[in-house]
Amino acid sequence: MAAVLATTVCTSMSSRQIYAEKSRKRRRCIVCRWEGRYPTEVTNYGLTRGVCLCRVVHSGPAKPWMCPLTTPTCWDKFHQFYYPNDLFTDMGNVRRHSNLAKLKDISEPMYSDLLPLAKLLTGCLAILLVTDSATKEIMDSVVKGLLRSG
């Protein structure tokens, strides 16, 4: 399925004016959060969609679930890519059943999925610290095999 690109006009005002009496957390840029950056708190509140977005250009390679364009601001990415692809609700929450969210879930394992492997590796490292070099070589090959299969 091809991603949708669109252009939309939306008016905005400072999120500080909208959320003057609320937590700063509400002012965080939802696109920064989605793309794995610390969410910018100096944002504009989109009056049409009700979301907070920064006007900063963040360069860097785009992962498969991100907007493929790297030169627009988060404001532009939201309106040209994320909103047309139905990623966010009107309150700025991630729509977990959207195609982009599913793609992210498939592409990037959750930390909780890695916990069993982390516990196993921690146990292996503890064993390595108290054994001789021959055993260490065996354990190294076991760990490498686990990493390849996991």
N, C-alpha and C. Protein backbone atom coordinates (compact mmCIF):
# COMPACT_ATOMS: atom_id res chain seq x y z
N MET A 1 0.84 -1.18 0.00
CA MET A 1 0.00 0.00 0.00
C MET A 1 0.88 1.24 0.00
N ALA A 2 0.63 2.16 -0.87
CA ALA A 2 1.41 3.39 -0.97
C ALA A 2 0.94 4.39 0.07
N ALA A 3 1.89 5.14 0.62
CA ALA A 3 1.56 6.16 1.60
C ALA A 3 0.89 7.34 0.91
N VAL A 4 0.05 8.01 1.65
CA VAL A 4 -0.70 9.15 1.13
C VAL A 4 0.02 10.44 1.49
N LEU A 5 0.18 11.33 0.53
CA LEU A 5 0.71 12.67 0.78
C LEU A 5 -0.40 13.67 0.44
N ALA A 6 -0.56 14.67 1.29
CA ALA A 6 -1.61 15.66 1.04
C ALA A 6 -1.16 17.03 1.53
N THR A 7 -1.86 18.04 1.12
CA THR A 7 -1.60 19.38 1.63
C THR A 7 -2.89 19.91 2.24
N THR A 8 -2.78 20.48 3.42
CA THR A 8 -3.93 20.98 4.15
C THR A 8 -3.56 22.30 4.82
N VAL A 9 -4.50 23.21 4.90
CA VAL A 9 -4.26 24.47 5.60
C VAL A 9 -4.91 24.36 6.97
N CYS A 10 -4.15 24.68 7.99
CA CYS A 10 -4.64 24.61 9.36
C CYS A 10 -4.11 25.83 10.11
N THR A 11 -4.95 26.47 10.88
CA THR A 11 -4.49 27.63 11.65
C THR A 11 -4.02 27.18 13.02
N SER A 12 -3.14 27.99 13.61
CA SER A 12 -2.56 27.59 14.89
C SER A 12 -2.35 28.79 15.79
N MET A 13 -2.08 28.48 17.05
CA MET A 13 -1.65 29.48 18.02
C MET A 13 -0.72 28.79 19.00
N SER A 14 -0.02 29.56 19.79
CA SER A 14 0.94 28.99 20.73
C SER A 14 0.23 28.03 21.69
N SER A 15 0.83 26.86 21.88
CA SER A 15 0.23 25.89 22.80
C SER A 15 0.26 26.40 24.24
N ARG A 16 1.16 27.32 24.54
CA ARG A 16 1.19 27.91 25.89
C ARG A 16 -0.09 28.67 26.18
N GLN A 17 -0.66 29.28 25.18
CA GLN A 17 -1.92 30.00 25.37
C GLN A 17 -3.08 29.03 25.61
N ILE A 18 -3.06 27.92 24.92
CA ILE A 18 -4.13 26.93 25.05
C ILE A 18 -4.02 26.20 26.38
N TYR A 19 -2.81 25.79 26.73
CA TYR A 19 -2.59 24.98 27.93
C TYR A 19 -1.90 25.78 29.03
N ALA A 20 -2.30 27.02 29.23
CA ALA A 20 -1.65 27.88 30.22
C ALA A 20 -1.71 27.30 31.63
N GLU A 21 -2.80 26.69 31.98
CA GLU A 21 -2.98 26.16 33.33
C GLU A 21 -2.70 24.66 33.42
N LYS A 22 -2.25 24.06 32.34
CA LYS A 22 -2.05 22.61 32.31
C LYS A 22 -0.57 22.26 32.34
N SER A 23 -0.28 21.00 32.42
CA SER A 23 1.08 20.48 32.43
C SER A 23 1.80 20.76 31.11
N ARG A 24 3.12 20.95 31.20
CA ARG A 24 3.93 21.14 29.98
C ARG A 24 3.87 19.91 29.09
N LYS A 25 3.62 18.77 29.69
CA LYS A 25 3.57 17.52 28.93
C LYS A 25 2.53 17.58 27.80
N ARG A 26 1.46 18.31 28.02
CA ARG A 26 0.41 18.43 27.00
C ARG A 26 0.88 19.20 25.78
N ARG A 27 1.94 20.00 25.95
CA ARG A 27 2.42 20.84 24.84
C ARG A 27 3.45 20.13 23.97
N ARG A 28 3.80 18.92 24.28
CA ARG A 28 4.85 18.22 23.55
C ARG A 28 4.42 17.86 22.13
N CYS A 29 5.38 17.97 21.22
CA CYS A 29 5.13 17.68 19.81
C CYS A 29 4.88 16.18 19.62
N ILE A 30 3.73 15.86 19.03
CA ILE A 30 3.38 14.45 18.86
C ILE A 30 4.19 13.78 17.76
N VAL A 31 4.66 14.55 16.78
CA VAL A 31 5.49 13.97 15.71
C VAL A 31 6.88 13.66 16.25
N CYS A 32 7.45 14.55 17.06
CA CYS A 32 8.75 14.27 17.69
C CYS A 32 8.66 12.98 18.50
N ARG A 33 7.59 12.86 19.28
CA ARG A 33 7.41 11.66 20.11
C ARG A 33 7.32 10.42 19.23
N TRP A 34 6.53 10.48 18.16
CA TRP A 34 6.36 9.33 17.26
C TRP A 34 7.68 8.94 16.60
N GLU A 35 8.48 9.93 16.22
CA GLU A 35 9.73 9.65 15.50
C GLU A 35 10.89 9.34 16.44
N GLY A 36 10.62 9.21 17.74
CA GLY A 36 11.63 8.74 18.68
C GLY A 36 12.57 9.81 19.22
N ARG A 37 12.21 11.07 19.10
CA ARG A 37 13.02 12.14 19.67
C ARG A 37 12.40 12.60 20.98
N TYR A 38 13.20 13.32 21.79
CA TYR A 38 12.61 13.96 22.96
C TYR A 38 11.61 14.99 22.44
N PRO A 39 10.35 14.92 22.86
CA PRO A 39 9.34 15.80 22.29
C PRO A 39 9.56 17.28 22.63
N THR A 40 9.61 18.10 21.61
CA THR A 40 9.76 19.54 21.77
C THR A 40 8.54 20.10 22.49
N GLU A 41 8.78 20.98 23.48
CA GLU A 41 7.67 21.56 24.24
C GLU A 41 7.24 22.93 23.72
N VAL A 42 8.07 23.56 22.90
CA VAL A 42 7.69 24.84 22.29
C VAL A 42 6.97 24.50 20.99
N THR A 43 5.66 24.48 21.08
CA THR A 43 4.86 23.99 19.96
C THR A 43 3.72 24.95 19.62
N ASN A 44 3.12 24.67 18.48
CA ASN A 44 1.90 25.36 18.06
C ASN A 44 0.75 24.38 18.20
N TYR A 45 -0.37 24.89 18.65
CA TYR A 45 -1.58 24.10 18.78
C TYR A 45 -2.42 24.29 17.52
N GLY A 46 -2.66 23.22 16.80
CA GLY A 46 -3.48 23.29 15.59
C GLY A 46 -4.94 23.37 15.96
N LEU A 47 -5.58 24.47 15.62
CA LEU A 47 -6.98 24.68 16.01
C LEU A 47 -7.93 23.72 15.31
N THR A 48 -7.61 23.28 14.12
CA THR A 48 -8.49 22.38 13.38
C THR A 48 -8.42 20.95 13.91
N ARG A 49 -7.23 20.44 14.15
CA ARG A 49 -7.04 19.04 14.55
C ARG A 49 -6.86 18.86 16.06
N GLY A 50 -6.55 19.94 16.78
CA GLY A 50 -6.39 19.86 18.24
C GLY A 50 -5.13 19.15 18.68
N VAL A 51 -4.03 19.32 17.95
CA VAL A 51 -2.77 18.66 18.31
C VAL A 51 -1.65 19.69 18.43
N CYS A 52 -0.62 19.34 19.20
CA CYS A 52 0.55 20.21 19.37
C CYS A 52 1.68 19.71 18.48
N LEU A 53 2.24 20.63 17.71
CA LEU A 53 3.30 20.30 16.76
C LEU A 53 4.35 21.39 16.77
N CYS A 54 5.62 20.99 16.68
CA CYS A 54 6.68 22.00 16.61
C CYS A 54 6.90 22.41 15.16
N ARG A 55 7.64 23.47 14.99
CA ARG A 55 7.95 23.98 13.64
C ARG A 55 9.44 23.83 13.38
N VAL A 56 10.01 22.74 13.87
CA VAL A 56 11.44 22.48 13.75
C VAL A 56 11.67 21.42 12.67
N VAL A 57 12.74 21.59 11.89
CA VAL A 57 13.15 20.57 10.92
C VAL A 57 14.15 19.67 11.63
N HIS A 58 13.86 18.40 11.68
CA HIS A 58 14.76 17.42 12.30
C HIS A 58 15.32 16.55 11.18
N SER A 59 16.61 16.66 10.95
CA SER A 59 17.21 15.85 9.89
C SER A 59 17.58 14.48 10.44
N GLY A 60 17.74 13.56 9.56
CA GLY A 60 18.10 12.20 9.95
C GLY A 60 17.36 11.21 9.08
N PRO A 61 17.86 9.99 9.03
CA PRO A 61 17.21 8.99 8.17
C PRO A 61 15.83 8.62 8.70
N ALA A 62 14.90 8.45 7.80
CA ALA A 62 13.54 8.07 8.18
C ALA A 62 13.43 6.55 8.22
N LYS A 63 12.84 6.06 9.27
CA LYS A 63 12.57 4.63 9.38
C LYS A 63 11.30 4.32 8.60
N PRO A 64 11.02 3.05 8.34
CA PRO A 64 9.87 2.70 7.48
C PRO A 64 8.52 3.25 7.94
N TRP A 65 8.33 3.47 9.23
CA TRP A 65 7.05 3.95 9.73
C TRP A 65 7.01 5.47 9.89
N MET A 66 8.06 6.14 9.42
CA MET A 66 8.13 7.59 9.52
C MET A 66 7.85 8.25 8.18
N CYS A 67 7.59 9.53 8.24
CA CYS A 67 7.41 10.31 7.02
C CYS A 67 8.70 10.21 6.21
N PRO A 68 8.61 9.85 4.93
CA PRO A 68 9.83 9.68 4.13
C PRO A 68 10.52 11.01 3.81
N LEU A 69 9.82 12.12 3.97
CA LEU A 69 10.40 13.43 3.71
C LEU A 69 11.17 13.89 4.94
N THR A 70 12.43 14.29 4.77
CA THR A 70 13.25 14.68 5.91
C THR A 70 13.45 16.18 6.03
N THR A 71 13.00 16.96 5.06
CA THR A 71 13.21 18.41 5.12
C THR A 71 12.04 19.19 5.71
N PRO A 72 10.81 18.68 5.76
CA PRO A 72 9.72 19.47 6.35
C PRO A 72 9.79 19.53 7.88
N THR A 73 9.09 20.50 8.44
CA THR A 73 8.95 20.60 9.89
C THR A 73 7.98 19.53 10.37
N CYS A 74 7.92 19.33 11.67
CA CYS A 74 6.94 18.39 12.22
C CYS A 74 5.52 18.83 11.89
N TRP A 75 5.28 20.13 11.88
CA TRP A 75 3.97 20.67 11.50
C TRP A 75 3.59 20.19 10.10
N ASP A 76 4.54 20.34 9.17
CA ASP A 76 4.28 19.94 7.78
C ASP A 76 4.16 18.43 7.63
N LYS A 77 5.02 17.69 8.33
CA LYS A 77 4.95 16.22 8.25
C LYS A 77 3.58 15.72 8.71
N PHE A 78 3.08 16.32 9.80
CA PHE A 78 1.77 15.90 10.30
C PHE A 78 0.69 16.12 9.25
N HIS A 79 0.65 17.32 8.69
CA HIS A 79 -0.42 17.67 7.76
C HIS A 79 -0.28 17.01 6.38
N GLN A 80 0.96 16.77 5.95
CA GLN A 80 1.17 16.21 4.62
C GLN A 80 1.25 14.68 4.61
N PHE A 81 1.58 14.08 5.76
CA PHE A 81 1.80 12.64 5.75
C PHE A 81 1.05 11.90 6.86
N TYR A 82 1.28 12.26 8.12
CA TYR A 82 0.71 11.48 9.22
C TYR A 82 -0.81 11.58 9.31
N TYR A 83 -1.36 12.78 9.16
CA TYR A 83 -2.81 12.93 9.23
C TYR A 83 -3.51 12.21 8.07
N PRO A 84 -3.07 12.39 6.84
CA PRO A 84 -3.72 11.66 5.73
C PRO A 84 -3.59 10.14 5.87
N ASN A 85 -2.55 9.67 6.56
CA ASN A 85 -2.38 8.23 6.75
C ASN A 85 -3.01 7.74 8.05
N ASP A 86 -3.81 8.61 8.69
CA ASP A 86 -4.65 8.22 9.82
C ASP A 86 -3.87 7.68 11.02
N LEU A 87 -2.68 8.23 11.28
CA LEU A 87 -1.86 7.74 12.39
C LEU A 87 -2.36 8.24 13.73
N PHE A 88 -2.80 9.50 13.80
CA PHE A 88 -3.18 10.09 15.08
C PHE A 88 -4.69 10.31 15.18
N THR A 89 -5.19 10.21 16.42
CA THR A 89 -6.59 10.57 16.68
C THR A 89 -6.69 12.09 16.75
N ASP A 90 -7.90 12.60 16.87
CA ASP A 90 -8.08 14.04 16.98
C ASP A 90 -7.50 14.61 18.28
N MET A 91 -7.24 13.77 19.24
CA MET A 91 -6.63 14.22 20.49
C MET A 91 -5.11 14.07 20.48
N GLY A 92 -4.55 13.61 19.37
CA GLY A 92 -3.10 13.48 19.25
C GLY A 92 -2.54 12.16 19.73
N ASN A 93 -3.40 11.20 20.03
CA ASN A 93 -2.92 9.88 20.43
C ASN A 93 -2.65 9.03 19.20
N VAL A 94 -1.74 8.09 19.34
CA VAL A 94 -1.44 7.20 18.22
C VAL A 94 -2.59 6.22 18.05
N ARG A 95 -3.05 6.10 16.83
CA ARG A 95 -4.10 5.14 16.50
C ARG A 95 -3.40 3.79 16.28
N ARG A 96 -3.45 2.91 17.29
CA ARG A 96 -2.68 1.66 17.31
C ARG A 96 -3.00 0.74 16.13
N HIS A 97 -4.17 0.87 15.54
CA HIS A 97 -4.55 -0.02 14.44
C HIS A 97 -4.28 0.58 13.07
N SER A 98 -3.61 1.73 13.04
CA SER A 98 -3.26 2.33 11.74
C SER A 98 -2.14 1.51 11.10
N ASN A 99 -2.01 1.62 9.81
CA ASN A 99 -0.96 0.87 9.10
C ASN A 99 0.44 1.28 9.55
N LEU A 100 0.66 2.56 9.82
CA LEU A 100 1.99 3.00 10.26
C LEU A 100 2.33 2.46 11.64
N ALA A 101 1.35 2.43 12.55
CA ALA A 101 1.60 1.88 13.89
C ALA A 101 1.89 0.38 13.81
N LYS A 102 1.16 -0.32 12.97
CA LYS A 102 1.41 -1.75 12.79
C LYS A 102 2.81 -1.99 12.22
N LEU A 103 3.20 -1.15 11.27
CA LEU A 103 4.53 -1.26 10.67
C LEU A 103 5.61 -1.04 11.72
N LYS A 104 5.41 -0.06 12.60
CA LYS A 104 6.38 0.20 13.66
C LYS A 104 6.46 -0.99 14.61
N ASP A 105 5.32 -1.56 14.98
CA ASP A 105 5.30 -2.71 15.88
C ASP A 105 6.05 -3.90 15.28
N ILE A 106 5.91 -4.10 13.98
CA ILE A 106 6.60 -5.21 13.32
C ILE A 106 8.09 -4.94 13.21
N SER A 107 8.45 -3.70 12.90
CA SER A 107 9.84 -3.35 12.63
C SER A 107 10.69 -3.16 13.87
N GLU A 108 10.09 -2.74 14.95
CA GLU A 108 10.85 -2.40 16.15
C GLU A 108 10.28 -3.17 17.33
N PRO A 109 10.99 -4.22 17.79
CA PRO A 109 10.45 -5.02 18.89
C PRO A 109 10.34 -4.19 20.17
N MET A 110 9.32 -4.49 20.93
CA MET A 110 9.12 -3.82 22.21
C MET A 110 10.19 -4.29 23.20
N TYR A 111 10.53 -3.45 24.15
CA TYR A 111 11.51 -3.80 25.18
C TYR A 111 11.06 -5.06 25.92
N SER A 112 9.77 -5.18 26.18
CA SER A 112 9.27 -6.34 26.91
C SER A 112 9.50 -7.63 26.13
N ASP A 113 9.55 -7.55 24.79
CA ASP A 113 9.83 -8.73 23.98
C ASP A 113 11.27 -9.19 24.15
N LEU A 114 12.16 -8.27 24.52
CA LEU A 114 13.58 -8.59 24.65
C LEU A 114 13.97 -9.00 26.07
N LEU A 115 13.07 -8.86 27.04
CA LEU A 115 13.41 -9.17 28.43
C LEU A 115 13.90 -10.61 28.63
N PRO A 116 13.23 -11.63 28.09
CA PRO A 116 13.73 -12.99 28.31
C PRO A 116 15.17 -13.17 27.80
N LEU A 117 15.48 -12.62 26.64
CA LEU A 117 16.83 -12.71 26.11
C LEU A 117 17.81 -11.95 27.00
N ALA A 118 17.42 -10.79 27.49
CA ALA A 118 18.29 -9.99 28.36
C ALA A 118 18.60 -10.75 29.65
N LYS A 119 17.59 -11.41 30.22
CA LYS A 119 17.81 -12.19 31.45
C LYS A 119 18.75 -13.36 31.18
N LEU A 120 18.57 -14.03 30.06
CA LEU A 120 19.43 -15.14 29.70
C LEU A 120 20.87 -14.67 29.53
N LEU A 121 21.05 -13.57 28.82
CA LEU A 121 22.40 -13.04 28.60
C LEU A 121 23.05 -12.60 29.89
N THR A 122 22.27 -12.03 30.81
CA THR A 122 22.81 -11.63 32.11
C THR A 122 23.31 -12.85 32.86
N GLY A 123 22.53 -13.93 32.82
CA GLY A 123 22.96 -15.17 33.46
C GLY A 123 24.23 -15.72 32.83
N CYS A 124 24.32 -15.67 31.51
CA CYS A 124 25.51 -16.14 30.80
C CYS A 124 26.73 -15.31 31.19
N LEU A 125 26.56 -14.01 31.29
CA LEU A 125 27.68 -13.15 31.66
C LEU A 125 28.16 -13.45 33.07
N ALA A 126 27.22 -13.73 33.98
CA ALA A 126 27.61 -14.07 35.35
C ALA A 126 28.43 -15.35 35.36
N ILE A 127 28.04 -16.31 34.55
CA ILE A 127 28.79 -17.57 34.47
C ILE A 127 30.18 -17.31 33.90
N LEU A 128 30.25 -16.48 32.89
CA LEU A 128 31.54 -16.18 32.26
C LEU A 128 32.53 -15.58 33.24
N LEU A 129 32.05 -14.83 34.18
CA LEU A 129 32.95 -14.16 35.12
C LEU A 129 33.63 -15.14 36.07
N VAL A 130 33.06 -16.31 36.28
CA VAL A 130 33.62 -17.25 37.26
C VAL A 130 34.16 -18.53 36.64
N THR A 131 34.29 -18.61 35.33
CA THR A 131 34.75 -19.84 34.69
C THR A 131 36.05 -19.62 33.94
N ASP A 132 36.63 -20.72 33.49
CA ASP A 132 37.91 -20.63 32.77
C ASP A 132 37.69 -20.24 31.30
N SER A 133 38.77 -20.07 30.56
CA SER A 133 38.68 -19.58 29.19
C SER A 133 38.03 -20.58 28.24
N ALA A 134 38.19 -21.88 28.45
CA ALA A 134 37.57 -22.87 27.57
C ALA A 134 36.04 -22.79 27.67
N THR A 135 35.56 -22.66 28.90
CA THR A 135 34.12 -22.53 29.10
C THR A 135 33.62 -21.22 28.51
N LYS A 136 34.44 -20.18 28.63
CA LYS A 136 34.07 -18.88 28.08
C LYS A 136 33.86 -18.98 26.57
N GLU A 137 34.72 -19.72 25.87
CA GLU A 137 34.56 -19.88 24.42
C GLU A 137 33.25 -20.59 24.09
N ILE A 138 32.90 -21.59 24.88
CA ILE A 138 31.64 -22.31 24.66
C ILE A 138 30.46 -21.37 24.87
N MET A 139 30.51 -20.60 25.96
CA MET A 139 29.42 -19.67 26.25
C MET A 139 29.31 -18.59 25.18
N ASP A 140 30.45 -18.13 24.67
CA ASP A 140 30.42 -17.13 23.60
C ASP A 140 29.68 -17.67 22.38
N SER A 141 29.96 -18.92 22.03
CA SER A 141 29.29 -19.49 20.86
C SER A 141 27.79 -19.67 21.12
N VAL A 142 27.41 -20.02 22.35
CA VAL A 142 25.99 -20.15 22.70
C VAL A 142 25.29 -18.80 22.57
N VAL A 143 25.92 -17.75 23.10
CA VAL A 143 25.33 -16.41 23.04
C VAL A 143 25.20 -15.95 21.59
N LYS A 144 26.23 -16.18 20.78
CA LYS A 144 26.17 -15.79 19.37
C LYS A 144 25.04 -16.53 18.65
N GLY A 145 24.87 -17.81 18.96
CA GLY A 145 23.78 -18.58 18.36
C GLY A 145 22.41 -18.05 18.77
N LEU A 146 22.28 -17.66 20.05
CA LEU A 146 21.02 -17.09 20.52
C LEU A 146 20.71 -15.77 19.82
N LEU A 147 21.73 -14.96 19.66
CA LEU A 147 21.53 -13.66 19.01
C LEU A 147 21.13 -13.83 17.55
N ARG A 148 21.71 -14.82 16.88
CA ARG A 148 21.35 -15.07 15.48
C ARG A 148 19.92 -15.57 15.36
N SER A 149 19.49 -16.43 16.28
CA SER A 149 18.15 -17.01 16.19
C SER A 149 17.07 -16.09 16.74
N GLY A 150 17.43 -15.15 17.62
CA GLY A 150 16.44 -14.27 18.26
C GLY A 150 16.15 -13.11 17.45
